[in-house]
Amino acid sequence: MCEGEFESMKALNAASPTIAPKPWSWGKYKNEEAYFIIADFREVGEQPPDPVKFTARLAELHKNSQSPTGKFGFHTTTCHGTITQVTDTWEDSWSKLYQKQLGHMFAMDLEKHGSWPEFEQLCDLTLNKGIPRLLDPLQSNGRSIKPCLLHGDCWDENTATDMETGEPFIFDAGSFYGHNEYDVGNWRAPRHRLSSGVYMRNYKRNFAVSEPGEYYL
């Protein structure tokens, strides 16, 4: 987790300086199964930040970042909360990487909670029918999408206004290169304050919806 967050924040700062706390080091405490990460202190203000400033900053990160391989993935494993993600790989297809990511989540659930045939059937349909149906068109019939550097877990409590500068910033990242719309997916959940329509409308003003647009929601 420490290494993944360190590499995430390093990549975020390289693509968009000051968008995240600058990391300095990470490591293991001597003779203990405990780890640390050292980064600049940023005092958390309003959460989530101003919708106009924040969405412009996030869209700028997505537009300006460049995958080092031109593919989707990352150079190391990162975490979504405490859960490892399938990021230490490179894929030409966003659909394939997302399928691996979600498949990994389903497999961990099965291992932890045991068999549940009805749920497993839905998992199979989602992975092998739903994802190709919705995501393959993004990269077919002459369409293409750019691998953008993502925060990876962009929700209310991982975004804030910097109390010193007044500018929006992000933290607690589990980054990788993926479709930019992955970062705003959490905003669809009503439990999040980012679900307010003003955030999505302003983001789309800065980064147009990928074609075919009828699949966006």
Protein backbone atom coordinates (compact mmCIF):
# COMPACT_ATOMS: atom_id res chain seq x y z
CA MET A 1 0.00 0.00 0.00
CA CYS A 2 2.78 2.45 0.90
CA GLU A 3 4.76 1.72 -2.25
CA GLY A 4 1.64 1.99 -4.42
CA GLU A 5 0.64 5.32 -2.94
CA PHE A 6 4.21 6.64 -3.18
CA GLU A 7 4.40 5.73 -6.88
CA SER A 8 0.90 7.12 -7.47
CA MET A 9 1.67 10.50 -5.92
CA LYS A 10 5.01 10.66 -7.71
CA ALA A 11 3.30 10.09 -11.06
CA LEU A 12 0.52 12.58 -10.26
CA ASN A 13 3.04 15.31 -9.39
CA ALA A 14 5.05 14.62 -12.52
CA ALA A 15 1.95 15.05 -14.69
CA SER A 16 0.43 17.97 -12.76
CA PRO A 17 2.70 19.58 -10.12
CA THR A 18 1.02 20.25 -6.74
CA ILE A 19 -2.17 18.33 -7.62
CA ALA A 20 -1.18 15.88 -4.86
CA PRO A 21 1.13 16.01 -1.83
CA LYS A 22 4.73 15.54 -2.96
CA PRO A 23 6.08 12.18 -1.74
CA TRP A 24 9.64 11.85 -0.47
CA SER A 25 10.15 8.28 0.69
CA TRP A 26 8.55 5.06 1.86
CA GLY A 27 9.92 2.01 3.61
CA LYS A 28 9.72 -0.59 6.36
CA TYR A 29 10.36 0.03 10.03
CA LYS A 30 13.37 -1.89 11.33
CA ASN A 31 12.46 -5.27 12.82
CA GLU A 32 8.72 -4.57 12.59
CA GLU A 33 5.93 -5.48 10.18
CA ALA A 34 5.02 -1.82 9.83
CA TYR A 35 5.61 0.60 6.99
CA PHE A 36 5.75 4.34 6.45
CA ILE A 37 5.38 6.96 3.74
CA ILE A 38 6.72 10.52 4.00
CA ALA A 39 5.09 13.32 2.01
CA ASP A 40 4.53 17.06 2.18
CA PHE A 41 1.82 18.17 4.60
CA ARG A 42 -1.24 19.76 2.98
CA GLU A 43 -3.91 21.05 5.34
CA VAL A 44 -7.34 19.79 4.32
CA GLY A 45 -10.03 22.43 3.85
CA GLU A 46 -13.42 22.16 2.16
CA GLN A 47 -14.34 18.67 0.97
CA PRO A 48 -15.12 18.22 -1.85
CA PRO A 49 -13.49 21.30 -3.38
CA ASP A 50 -15.09 23.99 -5.52
CA PRO A 51 -16.68 22.20 -8.51
CA VAL A 52 -15.42 24.58 -11.17
CA LYS A 53 -11.79 24.64 -9.99
CA PHE A 54 -11.67 20.97 -9.08
CA THR A 55 -13.12 19.55 -12.28
CA ALA A 56 -10.88 21.80 -14.40
CA ARG A 57 -7.82 20.59 -12.47
CA LEU A 58 -8.80 16.91 -12.73
CA ALA A 59 -9.54 17.19 -16.45
CA GLU A 60 -6.17 18.93 -16.94
CA LEU A 61 -4.44 15.99 -15.25
CA HIS A 62 -6.26 13.54 -17.49
CA LYS A 63 -5.46 15.50 -20.66
CA ASN A 64 -1.81 16.29 -19.92
CA SER A 65 -0.70 12.90 -18.58
CA GLN A 66 1.01 10.46 -20.92
CA SER A 67 1.28 6.71 -20.44
CA PRO A 68 4.98 5.75 -20.68
CA THR A 69 4.06 2.76 -22.86
CA GLY A 70 1.05 4.22 -24.63
CA LYS A 71 -1.01 1.47 -22.98
CA PHE A 72 -3.40 1.04 -20.06
CA GLY A 73 -1.94 -0.11 -16.73
CA PHE A 74 0.88 0.94 -14.41
CA HIS A 75 4.42 -0.08 -13.53
CA THR A 76 3.54 -1.42 -10.06
CA THR A 77 0.62 -2.64 -7.94
CA THR A 78 -1.56 0.03 -6.37
CA CYS A 79 -4.44 -0.32 -3.92
CA HIS A 80 -8.06 0.78 -3.80
CA GLY A 81 -8.33 1.33 -0.07
CA THR A 82 -6.89 -1.90 1.36
CA ILE A 83 -7.61 -3.94 -1.78
CA THR A 84 -4.87 -4.64 -4.31
CA GLN A 85 -5.61 -3.70 -7.91
CA VAL A 86 -4.46 -5.39 -11.11
CA THR A 87 -2.30 -2.49 -12.22
CA ASP A 88 1.17 -4.00 -12.67
CA THR A 89 0.49 -4.86 -16.31
CA TRP A 90 0.09 -3.09 -19.64
CA GLU A 91 -2.86 -3.63 -21.98
CA ASP A 92 -3.73 -2.15 -25.36
CA SER A 93 -7.41 -2.55 -24.52
CA TRP A 94 -9.14 -0.61 -21.74
CA SER A 95 -11.89 -3.22 -21.77
CA LYS A 96 -9.36 -6.00 -21.05
CA LEU A 97 -7.70 -4.13 -18.18
CA TYR A 98 -11.06 -3.26 -16.60
CA GLN A 99 -12.15 -6.88 -16.99
CA LYS A 100 -9.01 -8.01 -15.14
CA GLN A 101 -9.56 -5.39 -12.41
CA LEU A 102 -13.17 -6.33 -11.71
CA GLY A 103 -12.45 -10.05 -12.09
CA HIS A 104 -9.79 -9.73 -9.39
CA MET A 105 -12.35 -8.11 -7.06
CA PHE A 106 -14.87 -10.88 -7.70
CA ALA A 107 -12.24 -13.56 -7.07
CA MET A 108 -11.26 -12.01 -3.72
CA ASP A 109 -14.92 -11.87 -2.69
CA LEU A 110 -15.37 -15.54 -3.56
CA GLU A 111 -12.28 -16.50 -1.57
CA LYS A 112 -13.41 -14.51 1.48
CA HIS A 113 -17.13 -15.35 1.54
CA GLY A 114 -17.36 -18.70 -0.22
CA SER A 115 -19.52 -19.87 -3.08
CA TRP A 116 -22.79 -18.12 -3.96
CA PRO A 117 -23.95 -19.53 -7.33
CA GLU A 118 -26.40 -16.74 -8.18
CA PHE A 119 -23.80 -14.05 -7.53
CA GLU A 120 -21.15 -15.98 -9.47
CA GLN A 121 -23.49 -16.17 -12.46
CA LEU A 122 -23.96 -12.39 -12.37
CA CYS A 123 -20.19 -11.93 -12.10
CA ASP A 124 -19.70 -14.08 -15.19
CA LEU A 125 -22.32 -12.14 -17.14
CA THR A 126 -20.80 -8.81 -16.09
CA LEU A 127 -17.23 -9.80 -16.98
CA ASN A 128 -17.89 -11.66 -20.22
CA LYS A 129 -21.00 -9.94 -21.58
CA GLY A 130 -21.49 -6.55 -19.92
CA ILE A 131 -17.96 -5.18 -20.03
CA PRO A 132 -17.25 -6.09 -23.69
CA ARG A 133 -20.68 -4.77 -24.71
CA LEU A 134 -20.13 -1.39 -23.05
CA LEU A 135 -16.37 -0.83 -23.28
CA ASP A 136 -15.24 -2.49 -26.54
CA PRO A 137 -17.04 0.18 -28.65
CA LEU A 138 -14.73 2.83 -27.17
CA GLN A 139 -11.88 1.31 -29.21
CA SER A 140 -13.61 -0.05 -32.30
CA ASN A 141 -14.90 1.26 -35.64
CA GLY A 142 -12.11 3.83 -35.78
CA ARG A 143 -12.65 5.12 -32.25
CA SER A 144 -9.82 5.47 -29.75
CA ILE A 145 -9.34 6.61 -26.16
CA LYS A 146 -6.20 7.88 -24.51
CA PRO A 147 -4.72 6.13 -21.45
CA CYS A 148 -4.94 8.88 -18.83
CA LEU A 149 -3.29 8.95 -15.44
CA LEU A 150 -6.06 8.37 -12.90
CA HIS A 151 -6.37 9.08 -9.20
CA GLY A 152 -8.01 5.66 -8.98
CA ASP A 153 -10.32 6.30 -6.01
CA CYS A 154 -11.66 9.79 -6.63
CA TRP A 155 -14.38 10.44 -4.08
CA ASP A 156 -15.30 13.13 -1.54
CA GLU A 157 -12.80 12.24 1.20
CA ASN A 158 -9.82 11.96 -1.17
CA THR A 159 -10.33 15.48 -2.54
CA ALA A 160 -9.97 18.80 -0.74
CA THR A 161 -9.21 22.49 -0.88
CA ASP A 162 -5.66 23.35 0.25
CA MET A 163 -6.00 25.70 3.24
CA GLU A 164 -2.79 27.55 2.32
CA THR A 165 -3.28 28.06 -1.43
CA GLY A 166 -7.06 27.76 -1.82
CA GLU A 167 -6.50 25.37 -4.72
CA PRO A 168 -8.03 21.88 -5.05
CA PHE A 169 -5.83 18.84 -4.54
CA ILE A 170 -6.17 15.05 -4.35
CA PHE A 171 -4.56 12.41 -2.14
CA ASP A 172 -4.79 8.76 -1.00
CA ALA A 173 -4.39 7.68 -4.62
CA GLY A 174 -4.29 4.24 -6.21
CA SER A 175 -3.26 5.40 -9.65
CA PHE A 176 -2.92 3.74 -13.02
CA TYR A 177 -3.41 4.70 -16.66
CA GLY A 178 -7.00 4.14 -17.74
CA HIS A 179 -10.05 5.73 -19.33
CA ASN A 180 -10.56 9.20 -17.87
CA GLU A 181 -14.23 8.46 -17.12
CA TYR A 182 -13.18 5.83 -14.55
CA ASP A 183 -12.24 8.66 -12.17
CA VAL A 184 -15.71 10.19 -12.30
CA GLY A 185 -17.56 6.87 -12.00
CA ASN A 186 -17.81 7.19 -8.21
CA TRP A 187 -19.70 10.43 -8.72
CA ARG A 188 -22.74 8.49 -9.92
CA ALA A 189 -23.32 7.04 -6.42
CA PRO A 190 -25.89 9.17 -4.50
CA ARG A 191 -24.04 8.56 -1.21
CA HIS A 192 -21.18 10.79 -2.44
CA ARG A 193 -21.32 14.57 -2.31
CA LEU A 194 -19.53 14.56 -5.67
CA SER A 195 -22.74 13.05 -7.08
CA SER A 196 -24.16 16.57 -7.22
CA GLY A 197 -24.79 17.24 -10.91
CA VAL A 198 -22.68 20.38 -10.86
CA TYR A 199 -19.46 18.32 -10.64
CA MET A 200 -20.29 16.11 -13.61
CA ARG A 201 -21.53 19.01 -15.73
CA ASN A 202 -18.36 21.00 -15.12
CA TYR A 203 -16.10 18.00 -15.74
CA LYS A 204 -17.80 17.38 -19.11
CA ARG A 205 -17.23 21.03 -20.04
CA ASN A 206 -13.48 20.34 -19.73
CA PHE A 207 -13.36 16.79 -21.13
CA ALA A 208 -16.01 15.71 -23.63
CA VAL A 209 -17.80 12.37 -23.27
CA SER A 210 -16.15 9.52 -25.17
CA GLU A 211 -18.00 8.13 -28.18
CA PRO A 212 -20.39 6.36 -28.48
CA GLY A 213 -22.03 8.85 -26.10
CA GLU A 214 -25.24 6.86 -25.71
CA TYR A 215 -23.34 4.40 -23.47
CA TYR A 216 -22.01 7.09 -21.15
CA LEU A 217 -24.41 6.70 -18.19
